[in-house]
PDB file of N, CA and C in Angstrom:
ATOM      1  N   MET A   1      -9.729-137.055 126.400  1.00  0.00           N
ATOM      2  CA  MET A   1      -9.178-135.742 127.528  1.00  0.00           C
ATOM      3  C   MET A   1      -9.777-135.951 128.735  1.00  0.00           C
ATOM      4  N   ARG A   2      -9.302-136.155 129.188  1.00  0.00           N
ATOM      5  CA  ARG A   2      -9.870-135.852 130.842  1.00  0.00           C
ATOM      6  C   ARG A   2     -10.904-135.324 131.374  1.00  0.00           C
ATOM      7  N   ILE A   3     -11.746-135.398 131.988  1.00  0.00           N
ATOM      8  CA  ILE A   3     -13.315-135.024 132.521  1.00  0.00           C
ATOM      9  C   ILE A   3     -12.471-135.154 133.717  1.00  0.00           C
ATOM     10  N   LEU A   4     -13.082-133.498 134.024  1.00  0.00           N
ATOM     11  CA  LEU A   4     -13.361-133.192 135.573  1.00  0.00           C
ATOM     12  C   LEU A   4     -13.966-133.388 136.578  1.00  0.00           C
ATOM     13  N   ASN A   5     -13.509-134.133 137.690  1.00  0.00           N
ATOM     14  CA  ASN A   5     -13.946-134.848 138.322  1.00  0.00           C
ATOM     15  C   ASN A   5     -14.960-133.511 139.606  1.00  0.00           C
ATOM     16  N   SER A   6     -15.981-134.228 140.456  1.00  0.00           N
ATOM     17  CA  SER A   6     -16.397-132.981 141.170  1.00  0.00           C
ATOM     18  C   SER A   6     -15.543-131.898 141.888  1.00  0.00           C
ATOM     19  N   THR A   7     -14.591-132.845 142.541  1.00  0.00           N
ATOM     20  CA  THR A   7     -14.318-131.830 143.139  1.00  0.00           C
ATOM     21  C   THR A   7     -13.299-130.190 142.855  1.00  0.00           C
ATOM     22  N   VAL A   8     -12.820-130.902 141.271  1.00  0.00           N
ATOM     23  CA  VAL A   8     -12.202-129.484 141.195  1.00  0.00           C
ATOM     24  C   VAL A   8     -13.305-128.672 140.687  1.00  0.00           C
ATOM     25  N   ALA A   9     -14.539-129.571 140.089  1.00  0.00           N
ATOM     26  CA  ALA A   9     -15.545-128.246 139.896  1.00  0.00           C
ATOM     27  C   ALA A   9     -15.811-127.369 140.478  1.00  0.00           C
ATOM     28  N   GLU A  10     -16.043-128.032 141.967  1.00  0.00           N
ATOM     29  CA  GLU A  10     -16.555-127.302 143.182  1.00  0.00           C
ATOM     30  C   GLU A  10     -15.639-126.109 143.839  1.00  0.00           C
ATOM     31  N   LYS A  11     -14.619-126.308 143.408  1.00  0.00           N
ATOM     32  CA  LYS A  11     -13.592-125.370 144.098  1.00  0.00           C
ATOM     33  C   LYS A  11     -13.489-123.778 143.276  1.00  0.00           C
ATOM     34  N   ILE A  12     -13.849-123.927 141.706  1.00  0.00           N
ATOM     35  CA  ILE A  12     -14.353-122.666 140.714  1.00  0.00           C
ATOM     36  C   ILE A  12     -15.693-122.045 141.721  1.00  0.00           C
ATOM     37  N   SER A  13     -15.604-120.635 142.482  1.00  0.00           N
ATOM     38  CA  SER A  13     -16.546-120.653 143.114  1.00  0.00           C
ATOM     39  C   SER A  13     -17.313-119.210 142.135  1.00  0.00           C
ATOM     40  N   LEU A  14     -18.031-118.356 142.055  1.00  0.00           N
ATOM     41  CA  LEU A  14     -18.864-117.852 141.293  1.00  0.00           C
ATOM     42  C   LEU A  14     -18.388-116.705 141.415  1.00  0.00           C
ATOM     43  N   SER A  15     -17.290-115.836 142.764  1.00  0.00           N
ATOM     44  CA  SER A  15     -16.951-115.073 142.387  1.00  0.00           C
ATOM     45  C   SER A  15     -15.595-114.964 141.678  1.00  0.00           C
ATOM     46  N   ASN A  16     -15.029-115.773 141.893  1.00  0.00           N
ATOM     47  CA  ASN A  16     -13.932-116.155 141.577  1.00  0.00           C
ATOM     48  C   ASN A  16     -14.275-116.316 139.502  1.00  0.00           C
ATOM     49  N   SER A  17     -15.141-116.750 139.305  1.00  0.00           N
ATOM     50  CA  SER A  17     -15.348-116.899 137.830  1.00  0.00           C
ATOM     51  C   SER A  17     -15.878-115.695 137.218  1.00  0.00           C
ATOM     52  N   LYS A  18     -16.659-114.788 138.189  1.00  0.00           N
ATOM     53  CA  LYS A  18     -16.884-113.295 138.032  1.00  0.00           C
ATOM     54  C   LYS A  18     -15.860-112.884 137.581  1.00  0.00           C
ATOM     55  N   ASN A  19     -14.936-112.969 138.527  1.00  0.00           N
ATOM     56  CA  ASN A  19     -13.380-112.064 138.629  1.00  0.00           C
ATOM     57  C   ASN A  19     -12.393-112.535 136.990  1.00  0.00           C
ATOM     58  N   ASN A  20     -12.640-113.930 137.030  1.00  0.00           N
ATOM     59  CA  ASN A  20     -12.053-114.212 135.949  1.00  0.00           C
ATOM     60  C   ASN A  20     -12.823-113.559 134.751  1.00  0.00           C
ATOM     61  N   PHE A  21     -14.150-113.637 134.349  1.00  0.00           N
ATOM     62  CA  PHE A  21     -15.023-112.992 133.415  1.00  0.00           C
ATOM     63  C   PHE A  21     -14.368-111.945 133.140  1.00  0.00           C
ATOM     64  N   TYR A  22     -14.447-110.714 134.205  1.00  0.00           N
ATOM     65  CA  TYR A  22     -13.908-109.150 133.925  1.00  0.00           C
ATOM     66  C   TYR A  22     -12.635-108.838 133.706  1.00  0.00           C
ATOM     67  N   ALA A  23     -11.781-109.822 133.926  1.00  0.00           N
ATOM     68  CA  ALA A  23     -10.439-109.719 133.555  1.00  0.00           C
ATOM     69  C   ALA A  23     -10.367-110.377 132.102  1.00  0.00           C
ATOM     70  N   PHE A  24     -10.665-111.282 131.621  1.00  0.00           N
ATOM     71  CA  PHE A  24     -11.080-111.438 130.140  1.00  0.00           C
ATOM     72  C   PHE A  24     -11.244-110.393 129.683  1.00  0.00           C
ATOM     73  N   LEU A  25     -12.399-109.628 129.651  1.00  0.00           N
ATOM     74  CA  LEU A  25     -12.714-108.525 128.968  1.00  0.00           C
ATOM     75  C   LEU A  25     -11.963-107.592 128.614  1.00  0.00           C
ATOM     76  N   TRP A  26     -11.589-107.555 130.198  1.00  0.00           N
ATOM     77  CA  TRP A  26     -10.439-106.264 130.255  1.00  0.00           C
ATOM     78  C   TRP A  26      -9.231-106.247 129.463  1.00  0.00           C
ATOM     79  N   HIS A  27      -8.677-107.892 128.838  1.00  0.00           N
ATOM     80  CA  HIS A  27      -7.762-108.058 128.132  1.00  0.00           C
ATOM     81  C   HIS A  27      -7.808-108.075 126.694  1.00  0.00           C
ATOM     82  N   ALA A  28      -9.738-108.957 126.737  1.00  0.00           N
ATOM     83  CA  ALA A  28      -9.815-108.537 124.882  1.00  0.00           C
ATOM     84  C   ALA A  28      -9.791-107.324 124.600  1.00  0.00           C
ATOM     85  N   ILE A  29     -10.527-106.504 125.269  1.00  0.00           N
ATOM     86  CA  ILE A  29     -10.967-104.874 124.800  1.00  0.00           C
ATOM     87  C   ILE A  29      -9.413-103.963 124.710  1.00  0.00           C
ATOM     88  N   PHE A  30      -7.764-104.439 125.469  1.00  0.00           N
ATOM     89  CA  PHE A  30      -6.812-103.815 124.981  1.00  0.00           C
ATOM     90  C   PHE A  30      -6.320-104.514 123.642  1.00  0.00           C
ATOM     91  N   LEU A  31      -6.606-105.701 123.771  1.00  0.00           N
ATOM     92  CA  LEU A  31      -5.755-106.717 122.791  1.00  0.00           C
ATOM     93  C   LEU A  31      -6.735-106.176 121.279  1.00  0.00           C
ATOM     94  N   ALA A  32      -7.623-105.971 121.233  1.00  0.00           N
ATOM     95  CA  ALA A  32      -8.702-105.476 119.833  1.00  0.00           C
ATOM     96  C   ALA A  32      -8.019-104.482 119.982  1.00  0.00           C
ATOM     97  N   LEU A  33      -7.549-103.581 121.252  1.00  0.00           N
ATOM     98  CA  LEU A  33      -6.939-101.940 120.665  1.00  0.00           C
ATOM     99  C   LEU A  33      -5.676-102.171 120.369  1.00  0.00           C
ATOM    100  N   CYS A  34      -5.007-103.192 120.321  1.00  0.00           N
ATOM    101  CA  CYS A  34      -3.694-102.912 120.224  1.00  0.00           C
ATOM    102  C   CYS A  34      -3.473-103.795 118.557  1.00  0.00           C
ATOM    103  N   GLN A  35      -4.341-104.546 118.650  1.00  0.00           N
ATOM    104  CA  GLN A  35      -4.334-105.049 117.111  1.00  0.00           C
ATOM    105  C   GLN A  35      -4.422-104.247 116.144  1.00  0.00           C
ATOM    106  N   LYS A  36      -5.655-103.255 116.182  1.00  0.00           N
ATOM    107  CA  LYS A  36      -6.045-102.225 115.373  1.00  0.00           C
ATOM    108  C   LYS A  36      -4.659-101.412 115.046  1.00  0.00           C
ATOM    109  N   PHE A  37      -4.306-100.782 116.094  1.00  0.00           N
ATOM    110  CA  PHE A  37      -2.752 -99.784 115.598  1.00  0.00           C
ATOM    111  C   PHE A  37      -1.476-100.735 115.276  1.00  0.00           C
ATOM    112  N   MET A  38      -1.681-102.145 115.351  1.00  0.00           N
ATOM    113  CA  MET A  38      -0.497-102.822 114.835  1.00  0.00           C
ATOM    114  C   MET A  38      -1.277-103.865 113.730  1.00  0.00           C
ATOM    115  N   ASP A  39      -2.134-102.879 113.232  1.00  0.00           N
ATOM    116  CA  ASP A  39      -2.563-103.677 111.883  1.00  0.00           C
ATOM    117  C   ASP A  39      -1.375-103.377 110.656  1.00  0.00           C
ATOM    118  N   ILE A  40      -1.120-103.671 109.480  1.00  0.00           N
ATOM    119  CA  ILE A  40      -0.152-103.452 108.839  1.00  0.00           C
ATOM    120  C   ILE A  40      -0.298-102.769 107.728  1.00  0.00           C
ATOM    121  N   ASP A  41      -2.162-102.631 107.738  1.00  0.00           N
ATOM    122  CA  ASP A  41      -2.245-101.112 107.154  1.00  0.00           C
ATOM    123  C   ASP A  41      -2.777 -99.818 107.662  1.00  0.00           C
ATOM    124  N   THR A  42      -2.574 -99.853 109.113  1.00  0.00           N
ATOM    125  CA  THR A  42      -3.278 -98.838 109.379  1.00  0.00           C
ATOM    126  C   THR A  42      -1.652 -97.639 110.185  1.00  0.00           C
ATOM    127  N   ILE A  43      -2.387 -97.859 111.401  1.00  0.00           N
ATOM    128  CA  ILE A  43      -1.469 -96.982 112.086  1.00  0.00           C
ATOM    129  C   ILE A  43       0.236 -97.082 112.130  1.00  0.00           C
ATOM    130  N   ILE A  44       0.903 -97.870 112.466  1.00  0.00           N
ATOM    131  CA  ILE A  44       2.067 -97.799 112.324  1.00  0.00           C
ATOM    132  C   ILE A  44       2.943 -97.779 111.189  1.00  0.00           C
ATOM    133  N   PRO A  45       2.851 -98.352 109.939  1.00  0.00           N
ATOM    134  CA  PRO A  45       3.251 -97.943 108.721  1.00  0.00           C
ATOM    135  C   PRO A  45       3.718 -96.226 108.497  1.00  0.00           C
ATOM    136  N   ALA A  46       2.085 -95.935 108.995  1.00  0.00           N
ATOM    137  CA  ALA A  46       2.074 -94.561 108.445  1.00  0.00           C
ATOM    138  C   ALA A  46       3.006 -93.738 109.819  1.00  0.00           C
ATOM    139  N   MET A  47       3.330 -93.883 110.898  1.00  0.00           N
ATOM    140  CA  MET A  47       4.135 -93.447 112.218  1.00  0.00           C
ATOM    141  C   MET A  47       5.316 -93.492 111.576  1.00  0.00           C
ATOM    142  N   LEU A  48       5.660 -95.025 110.884  1.00  0.00           N
ATOM    143  CA  LEU A  48       7.210 -94.969 110.531  1.00  0.00           C
ATOM    144  C   LEU A  48       7.313 -94.324 109.624  1.00  0.00           C
ATOM    145  N   ILE A  49       6.455 -94.248 108.331  1.00  0.00           N
ATOM    146  CA  ILE A  49       6.535 -92.642 106.643  1.00  0.00           C
ATOM    147  C   ILE A  49       6.945 -91.571 107.718  1.00  0.00           C
ATOM    148  N   ASP A  50       6.627 -91.321 108.612  1.00  0.00           N
ATOM    149  CA  ASP A  50       6.495 -89.972 108.879  1.00  0.00           C
ATOM    150  C   ASP A  50       7.590 -89.441 110.069  1.00  0.00           C
ATOM    151  N   ALA A  51       8.469 -91.003 110.659  1.00  0.00           N
ATOM    152  CA  ALA A  51       9.723 -90.861 111.432  1.00  0.00           C
ATOM    153  C   ALA A  51      10.881 -90.723 109.837  1.00  0.00           C
ATOM    154  N   GLY A  52      10.610 -91.045 109.111  1.00  0.00           N
ATOM    155  CA  GLY A  52      11.446 -91.195 107.885  1.00  0.00           C
ATOM    156  C   GLY A  52      11.594 -92.503 107.509  1.00  0.00           C
ATOM    157  N   GLY A  53      10.856 -93.497 107.759  1.00  0.00           N
ATOM    158  CA  GLY A  53      11.057 -94.770 106.514  1.00  0.00           C
ATOM    159  C   GLY A  53      10.879 -94.577 105.577  1.00  0.00           C
ATOM    160  N   ASN A  54      11.288 -95.330 105.243  1.00  0.00           N
ATOM    161  CA  ASN A  54      10.682 -96.150 103.484  1.00  0.00           C
ATOM    162  C   ASN A  54      10.250 -97.108 102.880  1.00  0.00           C
ATOM    163  N   ALA A  55      10.159 -97.505 101.577  1.00  0.00           N
ATOM    164  CA  ALA A  55       9.532 -98.238 100.964  1.00  0.00           C
ATOM    165  C   ALA A  55       9.867 -99.942 102.136  1.00  0.00           C
ATOM    166  N   ILE A  56      11.053-100.282 101.830  1.00  0.00           N
ATOM    167  CA  ILE A  56      12.242-100.750 102.876  1.00  0.00           C
ATOM    168  C   ILE A  56      11.444-101.074 104.235  1.00  0.00           C
ATOM    169  N   HIS A  57      11.645-100.149 104.711  1.00  0.00           N
ATOM    170  CA  HIS A  57      11.306-100.372 106.209  1.00  0.00           C
ATOM    171  C   HIS A  57       9.716-100.921 106.351  1.00  0.00           C
ATOM    172  N   VAL A  58       9.086-100.472 105.741  1.00  0.00           N
ATOM    173  CA  VAL A  58       7.498-100.921 105.623  1.00  0.00           C
ATOM    174  C   VAL A  58       7.182-102.179 105.359  1.00  0.00           C
ATOM    175  N   GLY A  59       8.202-102.526 104.320  1.00  0.00           N
ATOM    176  CA  GLY A  59       8.370-104.370 104.031  1.00  0.00           C
ATOM    177  C   GLY A  59       8.779-104.656 104.658  1.00  0.00           C
ATOM    178  N   PHE A  60       9.745-104.743 105.596  1.00  0.00           N
ATOM    179  CA  PHE A  60      10.446-105.232 106.780  1.00  0.00           C
ATOM    180  C   PHE A  60       9.362-105.323 108.133  1.00  0.00           C
ATOM    181  N   LEU A  61       8.966-103.952 108.684  1.00  0.00           N
ATOM    182  CA  LEU A  61       7.327-103.913 109.510  1.00  0.00           C
ATOM    183  C   LEU A  61       6.765-104.966 109.189  1.00  0.00           C
ATOM    184  N   THR A  62       6.463-104.989 108.013  1.00  0.00           N
ATOM    185  CA  THR A  62       5.212-106.029 107.540  1.00  0.00           C
ATOM    186  C   THR A  62       5.186-107.375 107.697  1.00  0.00           C
ATOM    187  N   ALA A  63       7.097-107.660 107.202  1.00  0.00           N
ATOM    188  CA  ALA A  63       7.080-109.078 107.548  1.00  0.00           C
ATOM    189  C   ALA A  63       7.153-109.687 108.998  1.00  0.00           C
ATOM    190  N   ILE A  64       7.488-108.537 109.644  1.00  0.00           N
ATOM    191  CA  ILE A  64       7.871-109.050 111.202  1.00  0.00           C
ATOM    192  C   ILE A  64       6.106-109.041 111.656  1.00  0.00           C
ATOM    193  N   LEU A  65       5.532-108.483 111.498  1.00  0.00           N
ATOM    194  CA  LEU A  65       3.870-108.292 111.757  1.00  0.00           C
ATOM    195  C   LEU A  65       3.556-109.687 111.456  1.00  0.00           C
ATOM    196  N   VAL A  66       3.726-109.764 110.117  1.00  0.00           N
ATOM    197  CA  VAL A  66       2.960-111.202 109.315  1.00  0.00           C
ATOM    198  C   VAL A  66       3.537-112.171 110.447  1.00  0.00           C
ATOM    199  N   GLY A  67       4.662-112.470 110.044  1.00  0.00           N
ATOM    200  CA  GLY A  67       5.522-113.785 110.417  1.00  0.00           C
ATOM    201  C   GLY A  67       5.697-113.758 111.302  1.00  0.00           C
ATOM    202  N   GLY A  68       6.213-112.923 112.806  1.00  0.00           N
ATOM    203  CA  GLY A  68       6.975-112.548 113.442  1.00  0.00           C
ATOM    204  C   GLY A  68       5.854-113.812 114.426  1.00  0.00           C
ATOM    205  N   GLY A  69       4.942-113.681 114.667  1.00  0.00           N
ATOM    206  CA  GLY A  69       3.924-114.719 115.670  1.00  0.00           C
ATOM    207  C   GLY A  69       4.436-116.122 115.430  1.00  0.00           C
ATOM    208  N   LYS A  70       4.153-116.563 114.200  1.00  0.00           N
ATOM    209  CA  LYS A  70       4.346-117.729 112.966  1.00  0.00           C
ATOM    210  C   LYS A  70       5.241-118.268 113.828  1.00  0.00           C
ATOM    211  N   LEU A  71       6.563-117.452 113.539  1.00  0.00           N
ATOM    212  CA  LEU A  71       7.527-117.988 114.464  1.00  0.00           C
ATOM    213  C   LEU A  71       8.380-118.199 115.482  1.00  0.00           C
ATOM    214  N   ALA A  72       7.260-117.358 115.988  1.00  0.00           N
ATOM    215  CA  ALA A  72       7.161-117.991 118.034  1.00  0.00           C
ATOM    216  C   ALA A  72       6.820-119.414 118.071  1.00  0.00           C
ATOM    217  N   GLN A  73       5.618-119.522 117.129  1.00  0.00           N
ATOM    218  CA  GLN A  73       4.947-120.733 117.833  1.00  0.00           C
ATOM    219  C   GLN A  73       5.720-121.932 116.920  1.00  0.00           C
ATOM    220  N   LEU A  74       5.931-121.849 115.755  1.00  0.00           N
ATOM    221  CA  LEU A  74       7.010-122.938 115.553  1.00  0.00           C
ATOM    222  C   LEU A  74       8.367-122.919 116.257  1.00  0.00           C
ATOM    223  N   ALA A  75       8.650-122.425 116.998  1.00  0.00           N
ATOM    224  CA  ALA A  75       9.908-122.402 118.197  1.00  0.00           C
ATOM    225  C   ALA A  75       9.184-123.288 119.291  1.00  0.00           C
ATOM    226  N   PHE A  76       8.128-123.117 119.430  1.00  0.00           N
ATOM    227  CA  PHE A  76       7.721-123.476 120.724  1.00  0.00           C
ATOM    228  C   PHE A  76       6.790-124.982 120.632  1.00  0.00           C
ATOM    229  N   VAL A  77       6.168-125.066 119.488  1.00  0.00           N
ATOM    230  CA  VAL A  77       5.987-126.405 119.383  1.00  0.00           C
ATOM    231  C   VAL A  77       6.069-127.690 119.514  1.00  0.00           C
ATOM    232  N   PRO A  78       7.373-127.994 119.115  1.00  0.00           N
ATOM    233  CA  PRO A  78       8.237-129.470 119.973  1.00  0.00           C
ATOM    234  C   PRO A  78       7.829-129.662 121.088  1.00  0.00           C
ATOM    235  N   PHE A  79       8.289-128.313 121.867  1.00  0.00           N
ATOM    236  CA  PHE A  79       8.115-128.301 123.369  1.00  0.00           C
ATOM    237  C   PHE A  79       6.581-128.992 123.966  1.00  0.00           C
ATOM    238  N   LEU A  80       5.368-128.006 123.282  1.00  0.00           N
ATOM    239  CA  LEU A  80       4.458-128.156 123.451  1.00  0.00           C
ATOM    240  C   LEU A  80       3.419-129.171 123.212  1.00  0.00           C
ATOM    241  N   SER A  81       3.990-129.748 122.552  1.00  0.00           N
ATOM    242  CA  SER A  81       2.979-130.801 121.386  1.00  0.00           C
ATOM    243  C   SER A  81       3.489-132.279 122.185  1.00  0.00           C
ATOM    244  N   ASN A  82       4.490-132.428 123.338  1.00  0.00           N
ATOM    245  CA  ASN A  82       4.902-133.858 123.487  1.00  0.00           C
ATOM    246  C   ASN A  82       4.203-133.792 125.253  1.00  0.00           C
ATOM    247  N   LYS A  83       3.582-133.010 125.481  1.00  0.00           N
ATOM    248  CA  LYS A  83       2.837-132.571 127.066  1.00  0.00           C
ATOM    249  C   LYS A  83       1.318-133.314 126.622  1.00  0.00           C
ATOM    250  N   LEU A  84       1.120-133.877 127.940  1.00  0.00           N
ATOM    251  CA  LEU A  84      -0.062-134.984 127.854  1.00  0.00           C
ATOM    252  C   LEU A  84      -1.153-133.313 128.205  1.00  0.00           C
ATOM    253  N   TYR A  85      -1.175-132.292 129.212  1.00  0.00           N
ATOM    254  CA  TYR A  85      -1.887-131.711 129.414  1.00  0.00           C
ATOM    255  C   TYR A  85      -0.849-130.185 129.522  1.00  0.00           C
ATOM    256  N   LYS A  86      -1.080-129.024 129.026  1.00  0.00           N
ATOM    257  CA  LYS A  86      -0.254-128.012 129.147  1.00  0.00           C
ATOM    258  C   LYS A  86      -0.591-127.038 130.227  1.00  0.00           C
ATOM    259  N   LYS A  87      -1.155-127.592 131.205  1.00  0.00           N
ATOM    260  CA  LYS A  87      -1.527-127.197 132.313  1.00  0.00           C
ATOM    261  C   LYS A  87      -2.313-128.460 133.923  1.00  0.00           C
ATOM    262  N   ASN A  88      -1.456-128.207 134.739  1.00  0.00           N
ATOM    263  CA  ASN A  88      -2.335-129.440 135.283  1.00  0.00           C
ATOM    264  C   ASN A  88      -3.502-128.976 136.210  1.00  0.00           C
ATOM    265  N   ILE A  89      -4.280-129.775 135.937  1.00  0.00           N
ATOM    266  CA  ILE A  89      -5.931-129.549 136.419  1.00  0.00           C
ATOM    267  C   ILE A  89      -6.132-129.730 137.907  1.00  0.00           C
ATOM    268  N   TYR A  90      -4.931-130.558 138.353  1.00  0.00           N
ATOM    269  CA  TYR A  90      -5.006-130.702 140.407  1.00  0.00           C
ATOM    270  C   TYR A  90      -4.234-129.673 140.562  1.00  0.00           C
TER     271      TYR A  90
END
């Protein structure tokens, strides 16, 4: 892994760092809230059953929620694993 030189580190100002931190907190709060809604044991299955779904529909929903993210990761791993850096640091 490359170590950042001093010129790159000097470009990150305190106000920019604070702004990034607050944006991260905002994102983390809403991500945690959405994960609770999308949990396979809570609200979404109950809403699906109230809308007229049955056990098969809840099973498909559970498979999508558990395996959907893993399927996307498997699709993009060959593309990202061949890169030295995921983001240019200069």
